[in-house]
């Protein structure tokens, strides 16, 4: 899909503030409301805009512990990858999971309440994987930057 300057500006504005009214958005991108609304609908229909979300403070929910885990599987096959995928998709404490090329197989990001919960989560994950796996964990001491805003190339 081709994006012009206005499409990119719409994407930039909505990424930063998804609750803008169409009137506010139109004003920010220098369009009238109707063409702005149509552009947003087109971006939604085409799958460029995937949704709108509230960003919640993890501390407010007692989930201040951020942990990254590398998982290295002892053997690899389509069936093993599928089993790992299914186990991690069903775990709500896992925020992200990525199959990685390189020194390890999966990178998992989890938000938890305490180290005890992390120990329980890791044990659960390792029990659900159908082959032996090695894990390396990284507990975040300070979150320097976290952003969901993608550069749109204005």
Protein backbone atom coordinates (compact mmCIF):
# COMPACT_ATOMS: atom_id res chain seq x y z
CA UNK A 1 0.00 0.00 0.00
CA UNK A 2 1.28 3.47 -0.88
CA UNK A 3 1.15 6.20 1.78
CA UNK A 4 1.23 9.88 1.05
CA UNK A 5 2.29 12.59 3.51
CA UNK A 6 -1.22 12.91 4.95
CA UNK A 7 -1.58 9.13 5.51
CA UNK A 8 1.76 9.16 7.33
CA UNK A 9 0.72 12.13 9.45
CA UNK A 10 -2.56 10.36 10.35
CA UNK A 11 -0.62 7.26 11.38
CA UNK A 12 1.82 9.31 13.43
CA UNK A 13 -0.95 11.20 15.26
CA UNK A 14 -3.06 8.10 15.97
CA UNK A 15 -0.05 6.16 17.27
CA UNK A 16 0.70 8.91 19.74
CA UNK A 17 -2.91 9.58 20.73
CA UNK A 18 -5.42 6.96 19.61
CA UNK A 19 -8.37 8.67 21.30
CA UNK A 20 -8.32 11.78 19.12
CA UNK A 21 -11.71 12.73 17.81
CA UNK A 22 -11.99 12.77 14.03
CA UNK A 23 -12.37 16.56 14.24
CA UNK A 24 -9.10 16.90 16.21
CA UNK A 25 -7.29 14.51 13.90
CA UNK A 26 -8.54 16.29 10.78
CA UNK A 27 -7.34 19.60 12.17
CA UNK A 28 -3.89 18.20 12.98
CA UNK A 29 -3.43 16.77 9.48
CA UNK A 30 -4.97 19.80 7.70
CA UNK A 31 -7.99 18.03 6.21
CA UNK A 32 -11.72 18.40 6.63
CA UNK A 33 -13.41 15.74 8.75
CA UNK A 34 -15.00 13.70 5.94
CA UNK A 35 -11.82 12.99 3.90
CA UNK A 36 -9.88 12.39 7.10
CA UNK A 37 -12.47 9.85 8.28
CA UNK A 38 -12.35 8.08 4.93
CA UNK A 39 -8.56 7.84 5.06
CA UNK A 40 -8.69 6.37 8.57
CA UNK A 41 -11.33 3.83 7.48
CA UNK A 42 -9.17 2.88 4.47
CA UNK A 43 -6.14 2.39 6.73
CA UNK A 44 -8.25 0.23 9.06
CA UNK A 45 -9.78 -1.85 6.23
CA UNK A 46 -6.39 -2.48 4.65
CA UNK A 47 -4.94 -3.75 7.94
CA UNK A 48 -2.47 -0.91 8.43
CA UNK A 49 -4.25 0.22 11.59
CA UNK A 50 -4.74 -2.97 13.61
CA UNK A 51 -6.66 -1.49 16.54
CA UNK A 52 -6.78 1.05 19.35
CA UNK A 53 -5.60 0.23 22.86
CA UNK A 54 -5.33 1.72 26.31
CA UNK A 55 -1.79 1.73 27.67
CA UNK A 56 -1.99 0.60 31.29
CA UNK A 57 0.61 1.28 33.98
CA UNK A 58 1.98 -2.17 35.02
CA UNK A 59 2.84 -0.87 38.51
CA UNK A 60 -0.80 0.08 39.07
CA UNK A 61 -1.76 -3.56 38.49
CA UNK A 62 1.02 -4.95 40.67
CA UNK A 63 3.01 -6.13 37.62
CA UNK A 64 6.17 -4.08 38.04
CA UNK A 65 8.62 -6.92 37.41
CA UNK A 66 9.66 -7.06 33.75
CA UNK A 67 11.56 -10.17 32.68
CA UNK A 68 13.02 -11.29 29.37
CA UNK A 69 13.76 -14.99 28.89
CA UNK A 70 15.83 -16.70 26.22
CA UNK A 71 14.74 -20.27 25.55
CA UNK A 72 17.03 -22.69 23.75
CA UNK A 73 15.41 -25.97 22.72
CA UNK A 74 17.38 -29.24 22.77
CA UNK A 75 15.79 -30.29 19.47
CA UNK A 76 13.81 -28.51 16.83
CA UNK A 77 10.98 -29.61 14.58
CA UNK A 78 7.71 -28.22 13.31
CA UNK A 79 5.84 -30.16 16.02
CA UNK A 80 8.09 -28.79 18.77
CA UNK A 81 7.77 -25.23 17.51
CA UNK A 82 3.99 -25.64 17.35
CA UNK A 83 3.83 -26.96 20.92
CA UNK A 84 5.93 -24.06 22.22
CA UNK A 85 3.80 -21.60 20.27
CA UNK A 86 0.57 -23.01 21.72
CA UNK A 87 1.88 -23.02 25.29
CA UNK A 88 3.07 -19.42 25.13
CA UNK A 89 0.02 -18.10 23.29
CA UNK A 90 -2.19 -19.31 26.14
CA UNK A 91 -0.12 -17.71 28.92
CA UNK A 92 -1.52 -14.24 29.75
CA UNK A 93 1.60 -13.14 31.67
CA UNK A 94 3.64 -13.50 28.47
CA UNK A 95 3.32 -10.18 26.66
CA UNK A 96 5.55 -11.04 23.71
CA UNK A 97 7.16 -14.16 22.32
CA UNK A 98 9.45 -14.20 19.30
CA UNK A 99 11.02 -17.13 17.43
CA UNK A 100 14.60 -15.93 16.91
CA UNK A 101 17.41 -16.88 14.57
CA UNK A 102 20.75 -16.98 16.32
CA UNK A 103 22.16 -18.33 19.58
CA UNK A 104 18.77 -19.18 21.11
CA UNK A 105 15.31 -20.07 19.84
CA UNK A 106 12.72 -17.90 21.62
CA UNK A 107 12.73 -14.52 23.31
CA UNK A 108 9.89 -14.13 25.81
CA UNK A 109 8.80 -10.91 27.54
CA UNK A 110 6.70 -11.21 30.70
CA UNK A 111 5.23 -8.79 33.26
CA UNK A 112 4.94 -10.24 36.74
CA UNK A 113 4.28 -9.31 40.35
CA UNK A 114 7.40 -10.81 41.98
CA UNK A 115 10.30 -13.20 41.48
CA UNK A 116 8.21 -16.00 43.00
CA UNK A 117 5.71 -15.60 40.18
CA UNK A 118 8.55 -15.60 37.67
CA UNK A 119 9.86 -18.89 39.09
CA UNK A 120 6.37 -20.38 38.76
CA UNK A 121 5.95 -19.09 35.20
CA UNK A 122 9.33 -20.40 34.05
CA UNK A 123 8.62 -23.80 35.57
CA UNK A 124 5.24 -23.92 33.85
CA UNK A 125 6.75 -22.97 30.48
CA UNK A 126 9.55 -25.52 30.74
CA UNK A 127 7.08 -28.29 31.72
CA UNK A 128 4.90 -27.56 28.67
CA UNK A 129 7.74 -27.70 26.15
CA UNK A 130 7.96 -31.25 24.75
CA UNK A 131 11.79 -31.29 24.65
CA UNK A 132 14.44 -30.24 27.16
CA UNK A 133 15.16 -26.51 27.06
CA UNK A 134 17.72 -24.17 28.55
CA UNK A 135 16.72 -20.73 29.74
CA UNK A 136 18.59 -17.50 30.41
CA UNK A 137 16.71 -14.78 32.25
CA UNK A 138 17.14 -11.03 32.34
CA UNK A 139 15.34 -9.04 35.02
CA UNK A 140 14.90 -5.39 34.06
CA UNK A 141 16.29 -2.98 36.64
CA UNK A 142 15.19 0.19 34.85
CA UNK A 143 13.02 0.73 31.79
CA UNK A 144 14.89 3.36 29.80
CA UNK A 145 12.57 3.44 26.79
CA UNK A 146 9.50 1.54 25.71
CA UNK A 147 7.45 2.73 22.78
CA UNK A 148 4.82 1.29 20.50
CA UNK A 149 5.16 4.18 18.03
CA UNK A 150 6.58 3.09 14.67
CA UNK A 151 8.42 5.67 12.55
CA UNK A 152 6.25 6.53 9.55
CA UNK A 153 8.85 8.41 7.54
CA UNK A 154 7.40 11.88 7.34
